């Protein structure tokens, strides 16, 4: 495995399954399905996976070769904040919404991009907050909330998310800001779980 992050191979497709349950007061609660046992439990209660398949979000097309000076001036289009604009055509703009009473296991497909060393440092530098102490000295520390927000917006490049009316929602910083907190957390947690070593894995590596 190369230790250099190849931009063309840095994209990760992830499918997340969930059940949306409407509560008596009208609001919805999202319950995520994280393993085969969870899936079996829901299916044993009569729930079925939504068969209306969406195309999996794809990475942007290869970039024409550019000289180092051009990359320095313009940047690699595949790595920019608007990478989703270079994606193949999005899913159909609308489709019939799912009935609130239907026992359906829904699915969202998302496209993530692993961070490079440079991107990680940029996020760290923008997530630092400073405090002025009583003795007039300054203390700087990482704001974990800001860091996770910027990490999600940097790494999440595309999705097939739809609103309550079945309308496709293009990905954007504002759309990410308007996600339910538990959904945003699940997206980032899933990405980190499949791309970063866990504490147990790191501990096991040290012991070996």
N, C-alpha and C. Protein backbone atom coordinates (compact mmCIF):
# COMPACT_ATOMS: atom_id res chain seq x y z
N UNK A 1 0.84 -1.20 0.00
CA UNK A 1 0.00 0.00 0.00
C UNK A 1 0.88 1.24 0.00
N UNK A 2 0.58 2.17 -0.90
CA UNK A 2 1.34 3.41 -0.95
C UNK A 2 1.01 4.28 0.26
N UNK A 3 2.02 4.96 0.77
CA UNK A 3 1.82 5.88 1.89
C UNK A 3 1.50 7.29 1.41
N UNK A 4 1.47 7.46 0.09
CA UNK A 4 1.07 8.73 -0.50
C UNK A 4 -0.39 8.62 -0.92
N UNK A 5 -1.20 9.58 -0.50
CA UNK A 5 -2.63 9.55 -0.80
C UNK A 5 -2.85 9.93 -2.26
N UNK A 6 -3.31 8.96 -3.05
CA UNK A 6 -3.62 9.19 -4.45
C UNK A 6 -5.02 9.80 -4.54
N UNK A 7 -5.14 11.05 -5.02
CA UNK A 7 -6.46 11.69 -5.08
C UNK A 7 -7.50 10.86 -5.82
N UNK A 8 -7.06 10.11 -6.83
CA UNK A 8 -8.02 9.32 -7.62
C UNK A 8 -8.52 8.09 -6.86
N UNK A 9 -7.81 7.71 -5.78
CA UNK A 9 -8.19 6.52 -5.02
C UNK A 9 -8.58 6.85 -3.58
N UNK A 10 -8.85 8.11 -3.32
CA UNK A 10 -9.11 8.54 -1.95
C UNK A 10 -10.59 8.60 -1.61
N UNK A 11 -11.46 8.21 -2.57
CA UNK A 11 -12.89 8.29 -2.34
C UNK A 11 -13.45 7.00 -1.76
N UNK A 12 -14.40 7.13 -0.84
CA UNK A 12 -14.98 6.00 -0.14
C UNK A 12 -16.50 6.08 -0.23
N UNK A 13 -17.13 5.07 -0.79
CA UNK A 13 -18.59 4.98 -0.83
C UNK A 13 -19.11 4.27 0.41
N UNK A 14 -20.13 4.84 1.02
CA UNK A 14 -20.70 4.27 2.24
C UNK A 14 -22.22 4.24 2.14
N UNK A 15 -22.81 3.11 2.50
CA UNK A 15 -24.27 3.01 2.57
C UNK A 15 -24.69 2.92 4.04
N UNK A 16 -25.63 3.76 4.40
CA UNK A 16 -26.12 3.79 5.79
C UNK A 16 -27.61 3.46 5.78
N UNK A 17 -28.00 2.47 6.57
CA UNK A 17 -29.40 2.04 6.64
C UNK A 17 -30.04 2.60 7.91
N UNK A 18 -31.30 2.96 7.80
CA UNK A 18 -31.99 3.54 8.95
C UNK A 18 -33.50 3.36 8.83
N UNK A 19 -34.16 3.52 9.96
CA UNK A 19 -35.62 3.49 10.01
C UNK A 19 -36.08 4.82 10.61
N UNK A 20 -37.02 5.45 9.93
CA UNK A 20 -37.57 6.72 10.42
C UNK A 20 -38.96 6.45 10.99
N UNK A 21 -39.12 6.74 12.28
CA UNK A 21 -40.38 6.47 12.96
C UNK A 21 -41.02 7.79 13.39
N UNK A 22 -42.26 7.98 12.96
CA UNK A 22 -42.99 9.19 13.31
C UNK A 22 -43.61 9.02 14.70
N UNK A 23 -43.36 9.97 15.57
CA UNK A 23 -43.85 9.92 16.95
C UNK A 23 -45.24 10.56 17.06
N UNK A 24 -45.94 10.30 18.17
CA UNK A 24 -47.30 10.82 18.34
C UNK A 24 -47.43 12.33 18.16
N UNK A 25 -46.39 13.08 18.53
CA UNK A 25 -46.45 14.54 18.42
C UNK A 25 -46.08 15.05 17.04
N UNK A 26 -45.78 14.13 16.11
CA UNK A 26 -45.52 14.54 14.74
C UNK A 26 -44.06 14.57 14.33
N UNK A 27 -43.14 14.59 15.28
CA UNK A 27 -41.73 14.61 14.91
C UNK A 27 -41.23 13.19 14.63
N UNK A 28 -40.14 13.10 13.92
CA UNK A 28 -39.59 11.80 13.54
C UNK A 28 -38.34 11.48 14.35
N UNK A 29 -38.15 10.20 14.61
CA UNK A 29 -36.95 9.71 15.26
C UNK A 29 -36.24 8.76 14.30
N UNK A 30 -34.95 8.97 14.11
CA UNK A 30 -34.17 8.14 13.19
C UNK A 30 -33.38 7.11 13.99
N UNK A 31 -33.58 5.84 13.64
CA UNK A 31 -32.84 4.76 14.28
C UNK A 31 -31.95 4.09 13.23
N UNK A 32 -30.64 4.05 13.50
CA UNK A 32 -29.69 3.55 12.52
C UNK A 32 -29.43 2.06 12.70
N UNK A 33 -29.21 1.40 11.58
CA UNK A 33 -28.93 -0.03 11.57
C UNK A 33 -27.44 -0.20 11.28
N UNK A 34 -26.69 -0.66 12.27
CA UNK A 34 -25.23 -0.65 12.16
C UNK A 34 -24.60 -2.01 11.94
N UNK A 35 -25.39 -3.08 12.06
CA UNK A 35 -24.81 -4.41 11.88
C UNK A 35 -25.90 -5.39 11.45
N UNK A 36 -25.48 -6.62 11.14
CA UNK A 36 -26.41 -7.64 10.65
C UNK A 36 -27.45 -8.00 11.69
N UNK A 37 -27.07 -7.97 12.95
CA UNK A 37 -28.02 -8.31 14.02
C UNK A 37 -29.15 -7.28 14.09
N UNK A 38 -28.78 -5.99 13.98
CA UNK A 38 -29.81 -4.94 13.96
C UNK A 38 -30.76 -5.14 12.78
N UNK A 39 -30.19 -5.47 11.62
CA UNK A 39 -31.00 -5.66 10.42
C UNK A 39 -31.97 -6.82 10.61
N UNK A 40 -31.50 -7.90 11.18
CA UNK A 40 -32.36 -9.06 11.41
C UNK A 40 -33.50 -8.71 12.37
N UNK A 41 -33.22 -7.90 13.38
CA UNK A 41 -34.25 -7.51 14.33
C UNK A 41 -35.36 -6.72 13.64
N UNK A 42 -34.98 -5.76 12.81
CA UNK A 42 -35.98 -4.96 12.12
C UNK A 42 -36.77 -5.81 11.13
N UNK A 43 -36.08 -6.68 10.40
CA UNK A 43 -36.77 -7.53 9.43
C UNK A 43 -37.72 -8.51 10.10
N UNK A 44 -37.36 -8.95 11.30
CA UNK A 44 -38.25 -9.87 12.03
C UNK A 44 -39.52 -9.17 12.49
N UNK A 45 -39.48 -7.83 12.53
CA UNK A 45 -40.65 -7.04 12.91
C UNK A 45 -41.42 -6.53 11.70
N UNK A 46 -41.13 -7.11 10.52
CA UNK A 46 -41.91 -6.78 9.34
C UNK A 46 -41.35 -5.66 8.47
N UNK A 47 -40.18 -5.15 8.80
CA UNK A 47 -39.60 -4.07 8.00
C UNK A 47 -38.83 -4.65 6.82
N UNK A 48 -38.90 -3.95 5.69
CA UNK A 48 -38.20 -4.39 4.48
C UNK A 48 -37.39 -3.24 3.90
N UNK A 49 -36.27 -3.58 3.27
CA UNK A 49 -35.41 -2.57 2.67
C UNK A 49 -36.11 -1.95 1.47
N UNK A 50 -36.03 -0.63 1.37
CA UNK A 50 -36.60 0.09 0.23
C UNK A 50 -35.90 -0.38 -1.04
N UNK A 51 -36.65 -0.94 -1.98
CA UNK A 51 -36.08 -1.52 -3.19
C UNK A 51 -35.81 -0.49 -4.29
N UNK A 52 -36.18 0.74 -4.06
CA UNK A 52 -35.95 1.77 -5.08
C UNK A 52 -34.49 2.20 -5.03
N UNK A 53 -33.65 1.57 -5.79
CA UNK A 53 -32.22 1.78 -5.73
C UNK A 53 -31.82 3.11 -6.37
N UNK A 54 -30.90 3.79 -5.70
CA UNK A 54 -30.30 4.98 -6.26
C UNK A 54 -28.90 4.63 -6.76
N UNK A 55 -28.41 5.30 -7.81
CA UNK A 55 -27.03 5.06 -8.23
C UNK A 55 -26.07 5.52 -7.15
N UNK A 56 -25.03 4.73 -6.90
CA UNK A 56 -24.06 5.06 -5.88
C UNK A 56 -23.29 6.31 -6.31
N UNK A 57 -23.15 7.32 -5.44
CA UNK A 57 -22.37 8.49 -5.81
C UNK A 57 -20.97 8.08 -6.26
N UNK A 58 -20.47 8.71 -7.31
CA UNK A 58 -19.19 8.33 -7.89
C UNK A 58 -18.17 9.45 -7.71
N UNK A 59 -16.87 9.07 -7.73
CA UNK A 59 -15.82 10.09 -7.68
C UNK A 59 -15.83 10.94 -8.92
N UNK A 60 -15.23 12.13 -8.87
CA UNK A 60 -15.16 12.96 -10.06
C UNK A 60 -14.26 12.33 -11.10
N UNK A 61 -14.40 12.71 -12.36
CA UNK A 61 -13.57 12.14 -13.42
C UNK A 61 -12.12 12.56 -13.28
N UNK A 62 -11.20 11.81 -13.90
CA UNK A 62 -9.78 12.18 -13.82
C UNK A 62 -9.56 13.59 -14.33
N UNK A 63 -8.62 14.27 -13.71
CA UNK A 63 -8.29 15.63 -14.11
C UNK A 63 -7.21 15.61 -15.18
N UNK A 64 -7.36 16.42 -16.25
CA UNK A 64 -6.28 16.50 -17.24
C UNK A 64 -4.98 16.87 -16.55
N UNK A 65 -3.88 16.33 -17.05
CA UNK A 65 -2.60 16.58 -16.40
C UNK A 65 -2.32 18.07 -16.33
N UNK A 66 -1.81 18.50 -15.18
CA UNK A 66 -1.49 19.90 -14.97
C UNK A 66 -0.07 19.99 -14.42
N UNK A 67 0.59 21.04 -14.78
CA UNK A 67 1.94 21.24 -14.29
C UNK A 67 1.89 21.66 -12.83
N UNK A 68 2.99 21.50 -12.07
CA UNK A 68 3.00 21.92 -10.67
C UNK A 68 2.60 23.38 -10.50
N UNK A 69 3.03 24.25 -11.44
CA UNK A 69 2.68 25.67 -11.32
C UNK A 69 1.18 25.88 -11.51
N UNK A 70 0.57 25.09 -12.43
CA UNK A 70 -0.87 25.21 -12.63
C UNK A 70 -1.64 24.72 -11.42
N UNK A 71 -1.18 23.60 -10.83
CA UNK A 71 -1.82 23.09 -9.62
C UNK A 71 -1.70 24.09 -8.49
N UNK A 72 -0.55 24.74 -8.40
CA UNK A 72 -0.33 25.73 -7.35
C UNK A 72 -1.27 26.91 -7.52
N UNK A 73 -1.49 27.30 -8.78
CA UNK A 73 -2.32 28.46 -9.06
C UNK A 73 -3.81 28.16 -8.97
N UNK A 74 -4.21 27.01 -9.56
CA UNK A 74 -5.64 26.72 -9.66
C UNK A 74 -6.11 25.64 -8.70
N UNK A 75 -5.21 24.79 -8.23
CA UNK A 75 -5.60 23.67 -7.38
C UNK A 75 -6.13 22.52 -8.21
N UNK A 76 -6.18 21.36 -7.61
CA UNK A 76 -6.71 20.18 -8.28
C UNK A 76 -8.23 20.22 -8.18
N UNK A 77 -8.97 20.32 -9.30
CA UNK A 77 -10.43 20.41 -9.23
C UNK A 77 -11.07 19.28 -8.46
N UNK A 78 -10.43 18.11 -8.41
CA UNK A 78 -11.03 16.97 -7.69
C UNK A 78 -11.04 17.20 -6.19
N UNK A 79 -10.20 18.13 -5.72
CA UNK A 79 -10.06 18.30 -4.28
C UNK A 79 -10.77 19.53 -3.78
N UNK A 80 -11.39 20.30 -4.64
CA UNK A 80 -12.01 21.54 -4.23
C UNK A 80 -13.31 21.32 -3.49
N UNK A 81 -13.83 22.38 -2.85
CA UNK A 81 -15.07 22.26 -2.08
C UNK A 81 -16.28 21.96 -2.94
N UNK A 82 -16.20 22.23 -4.26
CA UNK A 82 -17.35 21.99 -5.13
C UNK A 82 -17.16 20.75 -5.97
N UNK A 83 -16.43 19.76 -5.44
CA UNK A 83 -16.15 18.56 -6.21
C UNK A 83 -17.41 17.88 -6.71
N UNK A 84 -18.53 18.04 -5.95
CA UNK A 84 -19.74 17.37 -6.35
C UNK A 84 -20.28 17.90 -7.67
N UNK A 85 -19.87 19.10 -8.09
CA UNK A 85 -20.35 19.63 -9.36
C UNK A 85 -19.79 18.86 -10.54
N UNK A 86 -18.69 18.11 -10.32
CA UNK A 86 -18.10 17.35 -11.40
C UNK A 86 -18.59 15.90 -11.40
N UNK A 87 -19.53 15.60 -10.54
CA UNK A 87 -20.04 14.24 -10.47
C UNK A 87 -20.92 13.95 -11.68
N UNK A 88 -21.14 12.66 -11.98
CA UNK A 88 -22.13 12.31 -13.00
C UNK A 88 -23.50 12.86 -12.60
N UNK A 89 -24.44 12.80 -13.50
CA UNK A 89 -25.76 13.36 -13.23
C UNK A 89 -26.32 12.83 -11.92
N UNK A 90 -26.94 13.69 -11.09
CA UNK A 90 -27.49 13.25 -9.82
C UNK A 90 -28.71 12.36 -10.03
N UNK A 91 -29.19 11.74 -8.96
CA UNK A 91 -30.39 10.91 -9.07
C UNK A 91 -31.57 11.75 -9.57
N UNK A 92 -32.64 11.11 -10.05
CA UNK A 92 -33.81 11.86 -10.49
C UNK A 92 -34.23 12.86 -9.43
N UNK A 93 -34.66 14.05 -9.87
CA UNK A 93 -34.92 15.12 -8.92
C UNK A 93 -36.04 14.80 -7.95
N UNK A 94 -36.97 13.94 -8.31
CA UNK A 94 -38.06 13.62 -7.40
C UNK A 94 -38.51 12.19 -7.58
N UNK A 95 -39.13 11.66 -6.54
CA UNK A 95 -39.76 10.35 -6.59
C UNK A 95 -40.78 10.32 -5.47
N UNK A 96 -41.78 9.46 -5.54
CA UNK A 96 -42.82 9.44 -4.50
C UNK A 96 -42.21 9.22 -3.12
N UNK A 97 -42.60 10.04 -2.13
CA UNK A 97 -42.08 9.84 -0.78
C UNK A 97 -42.62 8.57 -0.15
N UNK A 98 -41.94 8.11 0.89
CA UNK A 98 -42.36 6.91 1.61
C UNK A 98 -43.43 7.28 2.62
N UNK A 99 -44.48 6.49 2.69
CA UNK A 99 -45.55 6.74 3.65
C UNK A 99 -45.02 6.65 5.07
N UNK A 100 -45.42 7.57 5.96
CA UNK A 100 -44.96 7.53 7.35
C UNK A 100 -45.30 6.22 8.06
N UNK A 101 -46.36 5.54 7.60
CA UNK A 101 -46.79 4.30 8.25
C UNK A 101 -46.12 3.06 7.67
N UNK A 102 -45.38 3.22 6.60
CA UNK A 102 -44.76 2.07 5.94
C UNK A 102 -43.61 1.52 6.78
N UNK A 103 -43.51 0.20 6.83
CA UNK A 103 -42.41 -0.43 7.54
C UNK A 103 -41.24 -0.63 6.57
N UNK A 104 -40.50 0.46 6.38
CA UNK A 104 -39.45 0.48 5.36
C UNK A 104 -38.10 0.81 6.00
N UNK A 105 -37.10 0.04 5.60
CA UNK A 105 -35.71 0.33 5.98
C UNK A 105 -35.13 1.18 4.86
N UNK A 106 -34.81 2.42 5.18
CA UNK A 106 -34.32 3.34 4.17
C UNK A 106 -32.79 3.32 4.11
N UNK A 107 -32.27 3.85 3.03
CA UNK A 107 -30.83 3.81 2.78
C UNK A 107 -30.37 5.14 2.22
N UNK A 108 -29.25 5.63 2.72
CA UNK A 108 -28.61 6.80 2.14
C UNK A 108 -27.21 6.41 1.72
N UNK A 109 -26.86 6.72 0.48
CA UNK A 109 -25.52 6.46 -0.04
C UNK A 109 -24.73 7.76 -0.02
N UNK A 110 -23.55 7.71 0.51
CA UNK A 110 -22.73 8.92 0.61
C UNK A 110 -21.33 8.65 0.05
N UNK A 111 -20.71 9.70 -0.43
CA UNK A 111 -19.35 9.62 -0.96
C UNK A 111 -18.45 10.49 -0.12
N UNK A 112 -17.45 9.86 0.50
CA UNK A 112 -16.48 10.58 1.31
C UNK A 112 -15.14 10.63 0.59
N UNK A 113 -14.32 11.57 0.98
CA UNK A 113 -12.94 11.64 0.51
C UNK A 113 -12.01 11.69 1.72
N UNK A 114 -11.03 10.81 1.74
CA UNK A 114 -10.07 10.81 2.84
C UNK A 114 -9.24 12.09 2.78
N UNK A 115 -8.90 12.60 3.96
CA UNK A 115 -8.13 13.84 4.03
C UNK A 115 -6.65 13.60 3.77
N UNK A 116 -6.02 14.57 3.15
CA UNK A 116 -4.58 14.57 3.02
C UNK A 116 -3.98 15.25 4.25
N UNK A 117 -2.68 15.15 4.39
CA UNK A 117 -1.98 15.81 5.50
C UNK A 117 -2.23 17.32 5.47
N UNK A 118 -2.18 17.90 4.29
CA UNK A 118 -2.40 19.34 4.16
C UNK A 118 -3.81 19.73 4.59
N UNK A 119 -4.81 18.97 4.13
CA UNK A 119 -6.20 19.28 4.48
C UNK A 119 -6.43 19.14 5.98
N UNK A 120 -5.85 18.12 6.57
CA UNK A 120 -6.01 17.95 8.02
C UNK A 120 -5.41 19.12 8.78
N UNK A 121 -4.23 19.58 8.36
CA UNK A 121 -3.59 20.70 9.04
C UNK A 121 -4.40 21.98 8.89
N UNK A 122 -5.00 22.16 7.71
CA UNK A 122 -5.83 23.34 7.50
C UNK A 122 -7.04 23.34 8.44
N UNK A 123 -7.63 22.17 8.62
CA UNK A 123 -8.78 22.08 9.52
C UNK A 123 -8.35 22.35 10.96
N UNK A 124 -7.22 21.76 11.35
CA UNK A 124 -6.72 22.00 12.70
C UNK A 124 -6.49 23.49 12.94
N UNK A 125 -5.82 24.14 11.98
CA UNK A 125 -5.47 25.55 12.16
C UNK A 125 -6.71 26.43 12.26
N UNK A 126 -7.77 26.06 11.56
CA UNK A 126 -9.00 26.86 11.59
C UNK A 126 -9.90 26.49 12.77
N UNK A 127 -9.52 25.47 13.52
CA UNK A 127 -10.34 25.02 14.65
C UNK A 127 -9.72 25.41 16.00
N UNK A 128 -8.69 26.25 15.94
CA UNK A 128 -8.04 26.69 17.17
C UNK A 128 -8.77 27.91 17.73
N UNK A 129 -9.05 27.88 19.02
CA UNK A 129 -9.65 29.04 19.68
C UNK A 129 -8.70 29.53 20.77
N UNK A 130 -8.67 30.83 20.96
CA UNK A 130 -7.73 31.42 21.90
C UNK A 130 -8.48 32.07 23.06
N UNK A 131 -7.87 32.04 24.23
CA UNK A 131 -8.43 32.65 25.43
C UNK A 131 -7.39 33.57 26.06
N UNK A 132 -7.85 34.69 26.58
CA UNK A 132 -6.97 35.59 27.32
C UNK A 132 -7.14 35.29 28.80
N UNK A 133 -6.06 34.89 29.45
CA UNK A 133 -6.09 34.54 30.86
C UNK A 133 -6.06 35.78 31.75
N UNK A 134 -6.26 35.59 33.03
CA UNK A 134 -6.27 36.70 33.98
C UNK A 134 -4.95 37.44 34.00
N UNK A 135 -3.86 36.72 33.76
CA UNK A 135 -2.54 37.36 33.75
C UNK A 135 -2.18 37.94 32.38
N UNK A 136 -3.18 38.06 31.52
CA UNK A 136 -3.04 38.64 30.18
C UNK A 136 -2.33 37.71 29.18
N UNK A 137 -1.94 36.54 29.60
CA UNK A 137 -1.34 35.58 28.68
C UNK A 137 -2.45 34.95 27.83
N UNK A 138 -2.06 34.35 26.73
CA UNK A 138 -3.03 33.75 25.81
C UNK A 138 -2.86 32.24 25.77
N UNK A 139 -3.99 31.54 25.83
CA UNK A 139 -3.99 30.08 25.72
C UNK A 139 -4.76 29.68 24.47
N UNK A 140 -4.18 28.80 23.70
CA UNK A 140 -4.83 28.30 22.48
C UNK A 140 -5.13 26.82 22.65
N UNK A 141 -6.31 26.41 22.19
CA UNK A 141 -6.68 25.00 22.26
C UNK A 141 -7.59 24.64 21.09
N UNK A 142 -7.66 23.36 20.82
CA UNK A 142 -8.49 22.88 19.72
C UNK A 142 -9.95 22.86 20.13
N UNK A 143 -10.80 23.40 19.27
CA UNK A 143 -12.24 23.36 19.47
C UNK A 143 -12.75 22.07 18.81
N UNK A 144 -13.06 21.03 19.57
CA UNK A 144 -13.45 19.74 18.97
C UNK A 144 -14.73 19.81 18.16
N UNK A 145 -15.66 20.68 18.56
CA UNK A 145 -16.91 20.81 17.83
C UNK A 145 -16.65 21.42 16.45
N UNK A 146 -15.86 22.48 16.41
CA UNK A 146 -15.52 23.11 15.14
C UNK A 146 -14.73 22.15 14.25
N UNK A 147 -13.82 21.39 14.85
CA UNK A 147 -13.01 20.45 14.09
C UNK A 147 -13.88 19.40 13.41
N UNK A 148 -14.83 18.83 14.15
CA UNK A 148 -15.69 17.79 13.57
C UNK A 148 -16.60 18.36 12.49
N UNK A 149 -17.07 19.59 12.69
CA UNK A 149 -17.91 20.23 11.68
C UNK A 149 -17.12 20.42 10.38
N UNK A 150 -15.92 20.94 10.48
CA UNK A 150 -15.11 21.19 9.29
C UNK A 150 -14.65 19.88 8.64
N UNK A 151 -14.41 18.87 9.46
CA UNK A 151 -14.02 17.57 8.92
C UNK A 151 -15.15 16.98 8.08
N UNK A 152 -16.37 17.06 8.58
CA UNK A 152 -17.51 16.52 7.83
C UNK A 152 -17.69 17.28 6.52
N UNK A 153 -17.61 18.61 6.57
CA UNK A 153 -17.81 19.41 5.36
C UNK A 153 -16.66 19.24 4.37
N UNK A 154 -15.48 18.90 4.85
CA UNK A 154 -14.34 18.70 3.96
C UNK A 154 -14.39 17.32 3.31
N UNK A 155 -14.77 16.31 4.08
CA UNK A 155 -14.69 14.92 3.61
C UNK A 155 -15.96 14.44 2.91
N UNK A 156 -17.10 15.00 3.25
CA UNK A 156 -18.37 14.56 2.63
C UNK A 156 -18.54 15.27 1.30
N UNK A 157 -18.48 14.49 0.20
CA UNK A 157 -18.45 15.08 -1.13
C UNK A 157 -19.75 14.91 -1.92
N UNK A 158 -20.53 13.89 -1.62
CA UNK A 158 -21.77 13.69 -2.37
C UNK A 158 -22.69 12.76 -1.61
N UNK A 159 -23.97 12.79 -1.96
CA UNK A 159 -24.96 11.90 -1.35
C UNK A 159 -26.17 11.78 -2.27
N UNK A 160 -27.12 10.92 -1.88
CA UNK A 160 -28.37 10.82 -2.62
C UNK A 160 -29.55 11.15 -1.70
N UNK A 161 -29.35 12.10 -0.82
CA UNK A 161 -30.33 12.49 0.19
C UNK A 161 -31.56 13.13 -0.44
N UNK A 162 -32.73 12.81 0.14
CA UNK A 162 -33.99 13.40 -0.32
C UNK A 162 -34.76 13.99 0.86
N UNK A 163 -35.60 14.97 0.56
CA UNK A 163 -36.41 15.58 1.60
C UNK A 163 -37.71 14.81 1.79
N UNK A 164 -38.60 15.34 2.62
CA UNK A 164 -39.85 14.63 2.94
C UNK A 164 -40.76 14.46 1.72
N UNK A 165 -40.54 15.27 0.69
CA UNK A 165 -41.38 15.18 -0.51
C UNK A 165 -40.74 14.34 -1.61
N UNK A 166 -39.61 13.69 -1.29
CA UNK A 166 -38.94 12.86 -2.28
C UNK A 166 -38.08 13.65 -3.25
N UNK A 167 -37.80 14.92 -2.94
CA UNK A 167 -37.00 15.77 -3.81
C UNK A 167 -35.52 15.61 -3.47
N UNK A 168 -34.70 15.38 -4.49
CA UNK A 168 -33.26 15.25 -4.29
C UNK A 168 -32.68 16.56 -3.74
N UNK A 169 -31.84 16.45 -2.71
CA UNK A 169 -31.22 17.61 -2.07
C UNK A 169 -29.75 17.66 -2.46
N UNK A 170 -29.34 18.61 -3.30
CA UNK A 170 -27.92 18.71 -3.66
C UNK A 170 -27.08 18.99 -2.43
N UNK A 171 -25.89 18.42 -2.39
CA UNK A 171 -25.03 18.62 -1.23
C UNK A 171 -24.43 20.02 -1.26
N UNK A 172 -24.35 20.64 -0.09
CA UNK A 172 -23.78 21.97 0.04
C UNK A 172 -23.50 22.18 1.53
N UNK A 173 -22.65 23.16 1.89
CA UNK A 173 -22.43 23.45 3.30
C UNK A 173 -23.72 23.75 4.05
N UNK A 174 -24.65 24.49 3.40
CA UNK A 174 -25.92 24.81 4.07
C UNK A 174 -26.75 23.55 4.30
N UNK A 175 -26.75 22.63 3.32
CA UNK A 175 -27.51 21.39 3.49
C UNK A 175 -26.93 20.56 4.64
N UNK A 176 -25.61 20.53 4.75
CA UNK A 176 -24.98 19.79 5.85
C UNK A 176 -25.32 20.45 7.18
N UNK A 177 -25.32 21.78 7.21
CA UNK A 177 -25.68 22.50 8.45
C UNK A 177 -27.10 22.16 8.90
N UNK A 178 -27.98 21.86 7.95
CA UNK A 178 -29.39 21.61 8.27
C UNK A 178 -29.71 20.15 8.54
N UNK A 179 -28.69 19.29 8.53
CA UNK A 179 -28.92 17.89 8.88
C UNK A 179 -29.37 17.78 10.34
N UNK A 180 -30.16 16.75 10.64
CA UNK A 180 -30.43 16.44 12.04
C UNK A 180 -29.10 16.13 12.72
N UNK A 181 -28.89 16.61 13.96
CA UNK A 181 -27.61 16.37 14.64
C UNK A 181 -27.21 14.90 14.69
N UNK A 182 -28.19 14.02 14.93
CA UNK A 182 -27.87 12.60 15.03
C UNK A 182 -27.46 12.02 13.67
N UNK A 183 -27.99 12.60 12.58
CA UNK A 183 -27.62 12.14 11.25
C UNK A 183 -26.20 12.58 10.91
N UNK A 184 -25.88 13.85 11.17
CA UNK A 184 -24.53 14.34 10.92
C UNK A 184 -23.51 13.54 11.71
N UNK A 185 -23.83 13.25 12.96
CA UNK A 185 -22.91 12.47 13.80
C UNK A 185 -22.73 11.07 13.25
N UNK A 186 -23.81 10.45 12.80
CA UNK A 186 -23.73 9.09 12.26
C UNK A 186 -22.88 9.05 10.99
N UNK A 187 -23.04 10.05 10.13
CA UNK A 187 -22.24 10.11 8.91
C UNK A 187 -20.75 10.19 9.22
N UNK A 188 -20.38 11.11 10.11
CA UNK A 188 -18.97 11.27 10.44
C UNK A 188 -18.43 10.08 11.21
N UNK A 189 -19.22 9.56 12.15
CA UNK A 189 -18.77 8.39 12.93
C UNK A 189 -18.53 7.19 12.00
N UNK A 190 -19.41 6.99 11.04
CA UNK A 190 -19.26 5.86 10.11
C UNK A 190 -18.00 6.03 9.27
N UNK A 191 -17.79 7.23 8.77
CA UNK A 191 -16.59 7.49 7.95
C UNK A 191 -15.32 7.23 8.77
N UNK A 192 -15.28 7.71 9.99
CA UNK A 192 -14.10 7.51 10.83
C UNK A 192 -13.92 6.04 11.18
N UNK A 193 -15.02 5.34 11.39
CA UNK A 193 -14.94 3.94 11.78
C UNK A 193 -14.33 3.07 10.67
N UNK A 194 -14.60 3.41 9.41
CA UNK A 194 -14.12 2.56 8.33
C UNK A 194 -12.80 3.04 7.73
N UNK A 195 -12.35 4.24 8.08
CA UNK A 195 -11.11 4.75 7.49
C UNK A 195 -10.00 5.00 8.50
N UNK A 196 -10.32 4.98 9.79
CA UNK A 196 -9.31 5.27 10.81
C UNK A 196 -9.24 4.12 11.81
N UNK A 197 -8.03 3.80 12.28
CA UNK A 197 -7.90 2.71 13.27
C UNK A 197 -8.56 3.09 14.59
N UNK A 198 -9.20 2.09 15.20
CA UNK A 198 -9.83 2.33 16.50
C UNK A 198 -8.78 2.29 17.61
N UNK A 199 -9.17 2.70 18.80
CA UNK A 199 -8.25 2.65 19.93
C UNK A 199 -7.81 1.23 20.22
N UNK A 200 -8.74 0.28 20.10
CA UNK A 200 -8.39 -1.13 20.33
C UNK A 200 -7.38 -1.62 19.30
N UNK A 201 -7.56 -1.22 18.04
CA UNK A 201 -6.63 -1.63 16.99
C UNK A 201 -5.25 -1.04 17.21
N UNK A 202 -5.20 0.21 17.63
CA UNK A 202 -3.91 0.85 17.90
C UNK A 202 -3.22 0.18 19.09
N UNK A 203 -4.02 -0.16 20.10
CA UNK A 203 -3.47 -0.83 21.27
C UNK A 203 -2.92 -2.20 20.90
N UNK A 204 -3.66 -2.93 20.06
CA UNK A 204 -3.23 -4.25 19.63
C UNK A 204 -1.93 -4.17 18.83
N UNK A 205 -1.83 -3.14 17.97
CA UNK A 205 -0.62 -2.95 17.17
C UNK A 205 0.60 -2.72 18.05
N UNK A 206 0.42 -1.91 19.11
CA UNK A 206 1.53 -1.64 20.03
C UNK A 206 1.96 -2.90 20.76
N UNK A 207 0.98 -3.72 21.13
CA UNK A 207 1.30 -4.95 21.88
C UNK A 207 2.05 -5.95 21.01
N UNK A 208 1.75 -5.93 19.70
CA UNK A 208 2.43 -6.87 18.80
C UNK A 208 3.85 -6.42 18.51
